[in-house]
Structure formats: structure tokens, C-alpha cells
């Protein structure tokens, strides 16, 4: 089986997580400068088989699009053009950064490591992917 990749898109950096080949467990892959994201994805997909992308969709509490929603949708369009054979799935990412921060606070020793914004982005991508796997793959 091919992997599923989750993307927590940000204006400066983007967190990336992937599933194992059996699509059971989400693991953090990397945090990439957003300006280099498409090159990173192109390279990764040449080396690993990726079935689909799950992209975090930024929304406000009232379900309206968040401020960077238009940037994410522009990225989704680029992603679809670059990988027309792969499915792109949007997943509500509300609360993932807060959940990621809480998870990091509980599990990462050392104040300096917990302040790493890239770690928050990567853990957010893990949460997006794991929730997707649990809800749509195994329910």
C-alpha cells in the first residue's frame, strides 16, 4: 500500500506527516520552509509511493474561512496540478495547534525544545493525519 501524507500549511513553514505503508499510524516527517514545499513534495513522492494528501483547512470557530484560507486553497490547486493522479483531501484543522502544543508540553522534556515552532507544525500534521485515519480509514 502507499502512504498518505498530511500537510499543515503555514505562511513561513509547513508541517508534514506520513502514514506507514499500511495506513495505520501517522508519523511526523519534517517541517519544511513553505517556499520550498513543492520541491520537497516532488522529491519525496519520487522516493516513496504516496496515495493521497490530507491538507489542513484553516477555519474560524464560527466555521468561516480563516485569514490564510485563500493561501491554502492556492496551495491545494498547485498540489492538484503537480500530482493530478493523487487525491487531495481537506480536513478541518481547528484546534490542531492547541492540541499539538498540549501534547508537546506533556511529552517533550526541556523548555527550549517545547518552544520549537517547527515541532508544533509537525505535530499538528500528525494530529490531522491520525484523525483522518481513525475517522475515514478504520471506522
N, C-alpha and C. Protein backbone atom coordinates (compact mmCIF):
# COMPACT_ATOMS: atom_id res chain seq x y z
N UNK A 1 0.83 -1.20 0.00
CA UNK A 1 0.00 0.00 0.00
C UNK A 1 0.87 1.25 0.00
N UNK A 2 0.30 2.30 -0.47
CA UNK A 2 1.00 3.58 -0.49
C UNK A 2 0.71 4.36 0.79
N UNK A 3 1.55 5.32 1.06
CA UNK A 3 1.39 6.17 2.23
C UNK A 3 0.35 7.26 1.96
N UNK A 4 -0.15 7.83 3.04
CA UNK A 4 -0.97 9.04 2.99
C UNK A 4 -0.15 10.12 3.67
N UNK A 5 -0.13 11.31 3.08
CA UNK A 5 0.66 12.41 3.62
C UNK A 5 -0.28 13.52 4.10
N UNK A 6 0.00 14.06 5.27
CA UNK A 6 -0.75 15.19 5.80
C UNK A 6 0.12 16.43 5.76
N UNK A 7 -0.50 17.55 5.49
CA UNK A 7 0.21 18.82 5.35
C UNK A 7 -0.49 19.87 6.20
N UNK A 8 0.26 20.44 7.14
CA UNK A 8 -0.23 21.57 7.93
C UNK A 8 0.44 22.82 7.37
N UNK A 9 -0.22 23.43 6.40
CA UNK A 9 0.34 24.54 5.63
C UNK A 9 0.42 25.81 6.48
N UNK A 10 1.56 26.48 6.40
CA UNK A 10 1.74 27.76 7.08
C UNK A 10 2.40 28.76 6.16
N UNK A 11 2.34 30.01 6.50
CA UNK A 11 2.91 31.04 5.64
C UNK A 11 4.44 30.98 5.62
N UNK A 12 5.06 30.58 6.72
CA UNK A 12 6.53 30.51 6.79
C UNK A 12 7.04 29.07 6.68
N UNK A 13 6.40 28.16 7.41
CA UNK A 13 6.85 26.77 7.39
C UNK A 13 5.63 25.86 7.43
N UNK A 14 5.86 24.64 6.97
CA UNK A 14 4.77 23.69 6.83
C UNK A 14 5.16 22.37 7.48
N UNK A 15 4.27 21.86 8.32
CA UNK A 15 4.49 20.58 8.96
C UNK A 15 3.98 19.45 8.08
N UNK A 16 4.74 18.37 8.05
CA UNK A 16 4.38 17.23 7.20
C UNK A 16 4.42 15.95 8.03
N UNK A 17 3.40 15.13 7.85
CA UNK A 17 3.34 13.81 8.48
C UNK A 17 2.97 12.80 7.41
N UNK A 18 3.36 11.54 7.63
CA UNK A 18 3.00 10.47 6.69
C UNK A 18 2.51 9.27 7.48
N UNK A 19 1.71 8.48 6.80
CA UNK A 19 1.28 7.21 7.40
C UNK A 19 2.33 6.16 7.09
N UNK A 20 2.24 5.07 7.80
CA UNK A 20 3.05 3.91 7.43
C UNK A 20 2.42 3.33 6.16
N UNK A 21 3.09 2.41 5.47
CA UNK A 21 2.52 1.86 4.24
C UNK A 21 1.18 1.15 4.43
N UNK A 22 0.89 0.66 5.62
CA UNK A 22 -0.40 0.01 5.87
C UNK A 22 -1.49 1.02 6.23
N UNK A 23 -1.13 2.29 6.31
CA UNK A 23 -2.05 3.40 6.59
C UNK A 23 -2.74 3.26 7.94
N UNK A 24 -1.94 2.94 8.95
CA UNK A 24 -2.47 2.76 10.30
C UNK A 24 -1.99 3.86 11.24
N UNK A 25 -0.70 4.19 11.17
CA UNK A 25 -0.09 5.11 12.13
C UNK A 25 0.47 6.34 11.42
N UNK A 26 0.22 7.50 11.99
CA UNK A 26 0.77 8.76 11.48
C UNK A 26 2.07 9.06 12.20
N UNK A 27 3.07 9.47 11.44
CA UNK A 27 4.38 9.81 11.98
C UNK A 27 4.82 11.15 11.41
N UNK A 28 5.43 11.98 12.26
CA UNK A 28 5.95 13.24 11.77
C UNK A 28 7.10 13.01 10.80
N UNK A 29 7.07 13.69 9.68
CA UNK A 29 8.13 13.55 8.69
C UNK A 29 9.12 14.70 8.78
N UNK A 30 8.62 15.93 8.68
CA UNK A 30 9.53 17.07 8.64
C UNK A 30 8.74 18.36 8.77
N UNK A 31 9.46 19.43 8.98
CA UNK A 31 8.93 20.78 8.86
C UNK A 31 9.77 21.45 7.79
N UNK A 32 9.10 21.98 6.78
CA UNK A 32 9.78 22.49 5.59
C UNK A 32 9.44 23.97 5.42
N UNK A 33 10.41 24.80 5.03
CA UNK A 33 10.06 26.18 4.68
C UNK A 33 9.02 26.15 3.55
N UNK A 34 7.95 26.88 3.71
CA UNK A 34 6.84 26.82 2.75
C UNK A 34 7.30 27.17 1.33
N UNK A 35 8.27 28.04 1.20
CA UNK A 35 8.78 28.40 -0.13
C UNK A 35 9.40 27.20 -0.85
N UNK A 36 9.83 26.19 -0.10
CA UNK A 36 10.47 25.01 -0.68
C UNK A 36 9.56 23.78 -0.64
N UNK A 37 8.30 23.97 -0.27
CA UNK A 37 7.40 22.85 -0.03
C UNK A 37 7.15 21.99 -1.27
N UNK A 38 6.81 22.60 -2.39
CA UNK A 38 6.51 21.82 -3.59
C UNK A 38 7.72 21.02 -4.05
N UNK A 39 8.91 21.59 -3.95
CA UNK A 39 10.12 20.84 -4.30
C UNK A 39 10.31 19.65 -3.37
N UNK A 40 10.06 19.86 -2.08
CA UNK A 40 10.17 18.77 -1.10
C UNK A 40 9.19 17.66 -1.44
N UNK A 41 7.94 18.01 -1.73
CA UNK A 41 6.92 17.02 -2.04
C UNK A 41 7.25 16.25 -3.32
N UNK A 42 7.72 16.96 -4.32
CA UNK A 42 8.11 16.32 -5.58
C UNK A 42 9.20 15.28 -5.33
N UNK A 43 10.21 15.66 -4.56
CA UNK A 43 11.32 14.76 -4.25
C UNK A 43 10.84 13.56 -3.43
N UNK A 44 10.04 13.81 -2.42
CA UNK A 44 9.56 12.72 -1.56
C UNK A 44 8.72 11.73 -2.37
N UNK A 45 7.86 12.23 -3.21
CA UNK A 45 6.98 11.35 -3.99
C UNK A 45 7.73 10.57 -5.07
N UNK A 46 8.93 11.00 -5.41
CA UNK A 46 9.77 10.22 -6.32
C UNK A 46 10.38 9.03 -5.58
N UNK A 47 10.60 9.20 -4.28
CA UNK A 47 11.25 8.17 -3.48
C UNK A 47 10.27 7.23 -2.78
N UNK A 48 9.09 7.72 -2.46
CA UNK A 48 8.07 6.94 -1.73
C UNK A 48 6.75 7.01 -2.48
N UNK A 49 5.99 5.95 -2.38
CA UNK A 49 4.67 5.94 -3.01
C UNK A 49 3.67 6.61 -2.08
N UNK A 50 3.04 7.66 -2.55
CA UNK A 50 2.05 8.41 -1.78
C UNK A 50 0.72 8.32 -2.53
N UNK A 51 -0.29 7.85 -1.83
CA UNK A 51 -1.62 7.67 -2.42
C UNK A 51 -2.41 8.97 -2.47
N UNK A 52 -2.37 9.72 -1.37
CA UNK A 52 -3.18 10.93 -1.28
C UNK A 52 -2.58 11.90 -0.28
N UNK A 53 -3.08 13.13 -0.34
CA UNK A 53 -2.65 14.20 0.56
C UNK A 53 -3.86 14.64 1.38
N UNK A 54 -3.65 14.82 2.68
CA UNK A 54 -4.66 15.38 3.56
C UNK A 54 -4.13 16.74 4.00
N UNK A 55 -4.82 17.78 3.61
CA UNK A 55 -4.36 19.14 3.87
C UNK A 55 -5.27 19.77 4.92
N UNK A 56 -4.65 20.35 5.94
CA UNK A 56 -5.41 21.04 6.98
C UNK A 56 -6.07 22.28 6.42
N UNK A 57 -7.38 22.38 6.62
CA UNK A 57 -8.13 23.55 6.14
C UNK A 57 -8.37 24.49 7.32
N UNK A 58 -7.80 25.70 7.25
CA UNK A 58 -7.95 26.64 8.37
C UNK A 58 -9.33 27.28 8.40
N UNK A 59 -9.99 27.11 9.53
CA UNK A 59 -11.32 27.70 9.73
C UNK A 59 -11.36 28.41 11.08
N UNK A 60 -12.25 29.39 11.17
CA UNK A 60 -12.50 30.06 12.43
C UNK A 60 -13.52 29.25 13.23
N UNK A 61 -13.71 29.62 14.49
CA UNK A 61 -14.65 28.90 15.35
C UNK A 61 -16.06 28.89 14.79
N UNK A 62 -16.45 29.96 14.07
CA UNK A 62 -17.80 30.02 13.52
C UNK A 62 -17.92 29.32 12.17
N UNK A 63 -16.90 28.55 11.80
CA UNK A 63 -16.86 27.76 10.57
C UNK A 63 -16.55 28.59 9.32
N UNK A 64 -16.29 29.86 9.49
CA UNK A 64 -15.91 30.69 8.34
C UNK A 64 -14.43 30.44 8.03
N UNK A 65 -14.00 30.73 6.80
CA UNK A 65 -12.59 30.53 6.44
C UNK A 65 -11.67 31.44 7.26
N UNK A 66 -10.56 30.89 7.71
CA UNK A 66 -9.58 31.68 8.46
C UNK A 66 -8.82 32.60 7.50
N UNK A 67 -8.03 33.48 8.06
CA UNK A 67 -7.32 34.50 7.28
C UNK A 67 -6.44 33.92 6.19
N UNK A 68 -5.80 32.78 6.42
CA UNK A 68 -4.90 32.23 5.39
C UNK A 68 -5.58 31.19 4.51
N UNK A 69 -6.90 31.07 4.62
CA UNK A 69 -7.63 30.06 3.85
C UNK A 69 -7.34 30.17 2.35
N UNK A 70 -7.33 31.39 1.82
CA UNK A 70 -7.08 31.57 0.38
C UNK A 70 -5.69 31.08 -0.02
N UNK A 71 -4.71 31.21 0.88
CA UNK A 71 -3.36 30.71 0.58
C UNK A 71 -3.35 29.19 0.54
N UNK A 72 -4.06 28.57 1.47
CA UNK A 72 -4.14 27.11 1.50
C UNK A 72 -4.84 26.61 0.24
N UNK A 73 -5.91 27.27 -0.16
CA UNK A 73 -6.62 26.84 -1.36
C UNK A 73 -5.75 27.02 -2.62
N UNK A 74 -4.94 28.07 -2.66
CA UNK A 74 -3.99 28.23 -3.76
C UNK A 74 -2.97 27.10 -3.77
N UNK A 75 -2.49 26.72 -2.59
CA UNK A 75 -1.56 25.59 -2.48
C UNK A 75 -2.22 24.30 -2.93
N UNK A 76 -3.47 24.07 -2.52
CA UNK A 76 -4.20 22.85 -2.90
C UNK A 76 -4.31 22.77 -4.42
N UNK A 77 -4.56 23.90 -5.06
CA UNK A 77 -4.64 23.92 -6.53
C UNK A 77 -3.29 23.55 -7.15
N UNK A 78 -2.19 24.12 -6.62
CA UNK A 78 -0.86 23.78 -7.10
C UNK A 78 -0.57 22.30 -6.90
N UNK A 79 -0.95 21.78 -5.75
CA UNK A 79 -0.74 20.37 -5.42
C UNK A 79 -1.47 19.47 -6.42
N UNK A 80 -2.72 19.83 -6.72
CA UNK A 80 -3.50 19.08 -7.69
C UNK A 80 -2.90 19.12 -9.09
N UNK A 81 -2.33 20.26 -9.46
CA UNK A 81 -1.68 20.38 -10.76
C UNK A 81 -0.39 19.57 -10.82
N UNK A 82 0.35 19.55 -9.72
CA UNK A 82 1.62 18.83 -9.67
C UNK A 82 1.41 17.32 -9.61
N UNK A 83 0.37 16.90 -8.91
CA UNK A 83 0.08 15.47 -8.72
C UNK A 83 -1.37 15.17 -9.12
N UNK A 84 -1.71 15.26 -10.40
CA UNK A 84 -3.11 15.09 -10.80
C UNK A 84 -3.66 13.69 -10.52
N UNK A 85 -2.80 12.72 -10.35
CA UNK A 85 -3.25 11.34 -10.11
C UNK A 85 -3.52 11.05 -8.64
N UNK A 86 -3.20 12.00 -7.76
CA UNK A 86 -3.37 11.80 -6.32
C UNK A 86 -4.58 12.59 -5.81
N UNK A 87 -5.26 12.03 -4.85
CA UNK A 87 -6.41 12.69 -4.23
C UNK A 87 -5.92 13.70 -3.19
N UNK A 88 -6.55 14.87 -3.16
CA UNK A 88 -6.26 15.88 -2.15
C UNK A 88 -7.53 16.03 -1.30
N UNK A 89 -7.38 15.80 -0.01
CA UNK A 89 -8.50 15.83 0.93
C UNK A 89 -8.29 16.98 1.89
N UNK A 90 -9.32 17.80 2.08
CA UNK A 90 -9.25 18.89 3.05
C UNK A 90 -9.85 18.41 4.37
N UNK A 91 -9.16 18.72 5.47
CA UNK A 91 -9.62 18.36 6.82
C UNK A 91 -9.58 19.60 7.70
N UNK A 92 -10.64 19.82 8.41
CA UNK A 92 -10.72 20.93 9.36
C UNK A 92 -9.56 20.84 10.34
N UNK A 93 -8.78 21.91 10.44
CA UNK A 93 -7.62 21.88 11.33
C UNK A 93 -7.81 22.73 12.58
N UNK A 94 -9.03 23.13 12.85
CA UNK A 94 -9.26 23.89 14.08
C UNK A 94 -8.76 23.10 15.28
N UNK A 95 -8.12 23.77 16.16
CA UNK A 95 -7.63 23.22 17.43
C UNK A 95 -6.40 22.33 17.30
N UNK A 96 -5.92 22.03 16.08
CA UNK A 96 -4.76 21.14 16.00
C UNK A 96 -3.52 21.78 16.59
N UNK A 97 -3.33 23.07 16.41
CA UNK A 97 -2.14 23.71 17.00
C UNK A 97 -2.21 23.69 18.52
N UNK A 98 -3.41 23.93 19.08
CA UNK A 98 -3.57 23.86 20.53
C UNK A 98 -3.37 22.44 21.03
N UNK A 99 -3.93 21.47 20.31
CA UNK A 99 -3.74 20.07 20.69
C UNK A 99 -2.28 19.68 20.60
N UNK A 100 -1.60 20.17 19.55
CA UNK A 100 -0.18 19.87 19.38
C UNK A 100 0.63 20.47 20.52
N UNK A 101 0.35 21.72 20.87
CA UNK A 101 1.07 22.37 21.97
C UNK A 101 0.86 21.62 23.28
N UNK A 102 -0.36 21.19 23.53
CA UNK A 102 -0.68 20.44 24.75
C UNK A 102 0.08 19.11 24.76
N UNK A 103 0.09 18.43 23.63
CA UNK A 103 0.79 17.16 23.52
C UNK A 103 2.29 17.32 23.73
N UNK A 104 2.85 18.36 23.14
CA UNK A 104 4.29 18.63 23.28
C UNK A 104 4.62 18.96 24.73
N UNK A 105 3.78 19.77 25.36
CA UNK A 105 4.00 20.14 26.77
C UNK A 105 4.04 18.90 27.66
N UNK A 106 3.19 17.93 27.37
CA UNK A 106 3.12 16.72 28.18
C UNK A 106 4.22 15.72 27.88
N UNK A 107 4.77 15.76 26.67
CA UNK A 107 5.68 14.67 26.29
C UNK A 107 7.11 15.07 25.95
N UNK A 108 7.38 16.34 25.74
CA UNK A 108 8.73 16.76 25.33
C UNK A 108 9.43 17.42 26.51
N UNK A 109 10.55 16.83 26.94
CA UNK A 109 11.30 17.44 28.03
C UNK A 109 12.08 18.66 27.55
N UNK A 110 12.24 19.61 28.41
CA UNK A 110 13.05 20.78 28.10
C UNK A 110 12.24 21.91 27.49
N UNK A 111 12.28 23.04 28.16
CA UNK A 111 11.51 24.21 27.74
C UNK A 111 11.91 24.67 26.34
N UNK A 112 13.19 24.65 26.02
CA UNK A 112 13.67 25.13 24.72
C UNK A 112 13.09 24.29 23.58
N UNK A 113 13.08 22.97 23.72
CA UNK A 113 12.53 22.10 22.68
C UNK A 113 11.03 22.33 22.51
N UNK A 114 10.34 22.60 23.60
CA UNK A 114 8.89 22.81 23.53
C UNK A 114 8.54 24.10 22.81
N UNK A 115 9.46 25.03 22.74
CA UNK A 115 9.20 26.31 22.07
C UNK A 115 9.46 26.26 20.56
N UNK A 116 9.93 25.15 20.08
CA UNK A 116 10.24 24.99 18.66
C UNK A 116 8.95 25.02 17.85
N UNK A 117 8.73 26.10 17.10
CA UNK A 117 7.50 26.26 16.30
C UNK A 117 7.39 25.18 15.24
N UNK A 118 8.53 24.74 14.70
CA UNK A 118 8.51 23.68 13.71
C UNK A 118 7.97 22.39 14.27
N UNK A 119 8.25 22.12 15.53
CA UNK A 119 7.73 20.92 16.18
C UNK A 119 6.21 20.99 16.28
N UNK A 120 5.68 22.15 16.60
CA UNK A 120 4.23 22.32 16.67
C UNK A 120 3.60 22.05 15.31
N UNK A 121 4.21 22.55 14.23
CA UNK A 121 3.68 22.32 12.88
C UNK A 121 3.70 20.84 12.53
N UNK A 122 4.78 20.16 12.87
CA UNK A 122 4.89 18.73 12.56
C UNK A 122 3.87 17.92 13.36
N UNK A 123 3.73 18.22 14.65
CA UNK A 123 2.76 17.50 15.48
C UNK A 123 1.34 17.81 15.03
N UNK A 124 1.08 19.03 14.58
CA UNK A 124 -0.24 19.37 14.03
C UNK A 124 -0.56 18.50 12.81
N UNK A 125 0.43 18.31 11.95
CA UNK A 125 0.24 17.44 10.78
C UNK A 125 -0.04 16.00 11.21
N UNK A 126 0.65 15.55 12.25
CA UNK A 126 0.41 14.20 12.77
C UNK A 126 -1.04 14.08 13.24
N UNK A 127 -1.51 15.07 13.98
CA UNK A 127 -2.88 15.05 14.50
C UNK A 127 -3.89 15.04 13.36
N UNK A 128 -3.68 15.88 12.36
CA UNK A 128 -4.57 15.92 11.19
C UNK A 128 -4.65 14.54 10.54
N UNK A 129 -3.50 13.92 10.34
CA UNK A 129 -3.46 12.63 9.67
C UNK A 129 -4.05 11.52 10.53
N UNK A 130 -3.69 11.48 11.81
CA UNK A 130 -4.19 10.41 12.66
C UNK A 130 -5.71 10.49 12.79
N UNK A 131 -6.24 11.70 12.91
CA UNK A 131 -7.70 11.85 12.97
C UNK A 131 -8.34 11.38 11.67
N UNK A 132 -7.74 11.71 10.55
CA UNK A 132 -8.25 11.24 9.26
C UNK A 132 -8.24 9.72 9.19
N UNK A 133 -7.12 9.12 9.56
CA UNK A 133 -7.01 7.66 9.51
C UNK A 133 -8.07 7.01 10.40
N UNK A 134 -8.23 7.53 11.60
CA UNK A 134 -9.18 6.94 12.54
C UNK A 134 -10.62 7.11 12.08
N UNK A 135 -10.94 8.26 11.50
CA UNK A 135 -12.32 8.54 11.13
C UNK A 135 -12.72 7.91 9.81
N UNK A 136 -11.85 7.95 8.83
CA UNK A 136 -12.25 7.53 7.49
C UNK A 136 -11.68 6.19 7.04
N UNK A 137 -10.58 5.78 7.60
CA UNK A 137 -9.99 4.52 7.17
C UNK A 137 -10.43 3.34 8.04
N UNK A 138 -10.71 3.61 9.30
CA UNK A 138 -10.96 2.49 10.22
C UNK A 138 -12.22 2.68 11.05
N UNK A 139 -13.22 3.32 10.47
CA UNK A 139 -14.47 3.48 11.24
C UNK A 139 -15.59 2.68 10.61
